[in-house]
Protein backbone atom coordinates (compact mmCIF):
# COMPACT_ATOMS: atom_id res chain seq x y z
CA MET A 1 67.42 122.63 180.28
CA GLY A 2 67.82 126.48 181.14
CA LEU A 3 68.50 129.30 178.77
CA PHE A 4 72.14 129.34 179.74
CA ASP A 5 72.49 125.65 179.12
CA LEU A 6 70.79 125.94 175.79
CA PHE A 7 72.83 128.95 174.96
CA LYS A 8 75.78 127.04 175.78
CA LYS A 9 74.70 123.91 173.65
CA LYS A 10 74.13 125.94 170.66
CA GLN A 11 77.41 127.85 171.20
CA LEU A 12 79.09 124.25 170.85
CA GLU A 13 77.47 123.48 167.69
CA LEU A 14 79.28 126.48 165.90
CA THR A 15 80.74 125.24 162.51
CA ASP A 16 84.30 125.62 161.78
CA GLU A 17 83.63 128.73 159.63
CA GLN A 18 81.67 130.47 162.47
CA LEU A 19 84.24 129.79 165.12
CA GLN A 20 87.20 131.28 162.61
CA TRP A 21 84.76 134.32 161.59
CA ASN A 22 84.52 134.92 165.68
CA LYS A 23 88.24 134.15 166.43
CA MET A 24 88.96 136.85 163.31
CA TRP A 25 86.82 139.47 165.21
CA GLU A 26 88.31 138.63 168.33
CA LEU A 27 91.91 139.15 166.98
CA TRP A 28 90.57 142.48 165.45
CA GLU A 29 89.33 143.62 168.93
CA GLN A 30 92.83 142.60 170.32
CA GLU A 31 94.55 144.51 167.28
CA LYS A 32 96.10 141.31 166.36
CA ALA A 33 94.50 140.79 163.05
CA ASP A 34 96.75 140.75 159.90
CA SER A 35 97.07 143.77 157.48
CA PRO A 36 95.04 144.42 155.09
CA TYR A 37 92.41 142.61 156.90
CA ALA A 38 92.62 144.60 160.13
CA GLU A 39 91.88 147.95 158.12
CA LEU A 40 89.21 146.48 156.12
CA MET A 41 87.59 145.24 159.46
CA THR A 42 87.87 148.58 161.03
CA TYR A 43 86.32 150.06 157.61
CA GLN A 44 83.47 147.79 157.71
CA SER A 45 82.81 148.23 161.44
CA GLU A 46 82.62 151.76 161.41
CA ILE A 47 80.73 152.19 158.29
CA ASN A 48 78.20 149.79 159.78
CA ASN A 49 78.28 151.90 163.19
CA GLY A 50 77.66 155.32 161.78
CA GLY A 51 78.71 155.62 158.27
CA HIS A 52 81.92 156.92 156.26
CA GLY A 53 81.69 160.34 158.45
CA GLN A 54 82.24 158.28 161.36
CA TYR A 55 84.81 156.12 160.02
CA PHE A 56 86.79 159.10 158.60
CA PHE A 57 86.45 160.88 162.20
CA ASN A 58 87.04 158.01 164.17
CA VAL A 59 90.14 156.63 162.31
CA GLU A 60 91.59 160.35 161.92
CA ASN A 61 91.37 160.83 165.71
CA THR A 62 92.71 157.42 166.87
CA GLY A 63 95.17 156.43 164.10
CA ASP A 64 96.61 157.03 160.70
CA LEU A 65 94.07 157.88 158.45
CA ASN A 66 96.08 158.43 155.39
CA LYS A 67 98.05 155.06 155.88
CA GLU A 68 94.39 153.21 156.67
CA MET A 69 93.11 154.40 153.31
CA SER A 70 96.11 153.66 151.22
CA VAL A 71 95.79 150.06 152.80
CA LEU A 72 92.11 150.00 151.68
CA ARG A 73 92.93 151.29 148.09
CA ASN A 74 95.11 148.32 147.71
CA ILE A 75 92.63 145.70 148.94
CA LEU A 76 89.13 147.04 147.50
CA THR A 77 87.63 146.89 144.24
CA ALA A 78 88.05 149.77 141.98
CA GLU A 79 84.41 150.75 142.83
CA LEU A 80 84.80 150.69 146.47
CA VAL A 81 87.99 152.74 145.95
CA ALA A 82 86.28 155.36 144.11
CA ASN A 83 83.50 155.42 146.81
CA LEU A 84 85.97 155.59 149.49
CA GLN A 85 87.64 158.73 147.68
CA ARG A 86 84.32 160.47 146.87
CA ALA A 87 83.28 159.93 150.41
CA TYR A 88 86.61 161.46 151.88
CA LYS A 89 86.25 164.32 149.61
CA ALA A 90 82.72 165.16 150.96
CA TYR A 91 83.98 164.45 154.45
CA LEU A 92 86.69 167.33 154.04
CA ALA A 93 84.14 169.72 152.69
CA LEU A 94 81.84 168.90 155.67
CA GLU A 95 84.95 169.84 158.00
CA GLU A 96 85.22 173.16 156.37
CA ASN A 97 81.33 173.82 156.07
CA GLU A 98 79.17 171.49 158.32
CA ASP A 99 76.28 172.94 156.54
CA ASP A 100 77.38 171.83 153.10
CA GLU A 101 74.10 169.87 152.24
CA LYS A 102 75.61 168.51 148.84
CA ALA A 103 78.79 167.05 150.95
CA ALA A 104 76.25 165.51 153.27
CA GLU A 105 74.07 163.85 150.53
CA THR A 106 77.22 162.74 148.94
CA ILE A 107 78.46 160.95 152.05
CA GLU A 108 74.84 159.19 152.30
CA LEU A 109 75.14 157.93 148.86
CA CYS A 110 78.72 156.83 149.52
CA ASP A 111 77.28 154.77 152.61
CA ASP A 112 74.46 153.40 150.27
CA ILE A 113 77.02 152.32 147.78
CA PHE A 114 79.11 150.70 150.64
CA PHE A 115 76.19 148.50 151.52
CA GLU A 116 75.26 147.62 148.25
CA ASN A 117 78.82 146.20 147.82
CA GLU A 118 79.35 144.81 151.27
CA GLU A 119 79.10 141.28 150.40
CA GLU A 120 82.41 141.71 148.46
CA ILE A 121 83.94 142.84 151.62
CA ASN A 122 82.61 140.01 153.60
CA GLY A 123 83.77 137.68 150.98
CA MET A 124 87.52 138.97 151.48
CA LEU A 125 86.77 138.58 155.12
CA GLU A 126 85.76 135.22 155.12
CA THR A 127 88.73 133.91 152.96
CA TYR A 128 90.84 135.62 155.65
CA ALA A 129 88.70 133.96 158.34
CA GLY A 130 89.42 130.56 156.52
CA THR A 131 93.11 131.01 157.39
CA ILE A 132 92.48 131.37 161.11
CA GLN A 133 93.41 128.32 163.29
CA VAL A 134 90.81 127.87 166.00
């Protein structure tokens, strides 16, 4: 059995939950995921790829950052909302002065807090994925 055949066999052995999780991300990539989960997925994806700085920069330049953050405020826990707001304040300070070490440290701290609480976000996304038909 070749490597491709082995991969294909493993792919066929995915659980329903794994298939739903994959479908959820496929929908997100196609911009067809439901709100507020689409925004939550964007947030998680951007933070995992470059932190809050990347999230704010990319969403600000490709979408409506205020709308995205408003949606997130309605779904995130109070701790994560406060963290998001703290990170945004630091991001704005860095836009004014890119040498602001305190703001850069704050964003790094906010990234750490996000990662410490990422399981909460994964739980929300797993619940959403469970509603997707595959």
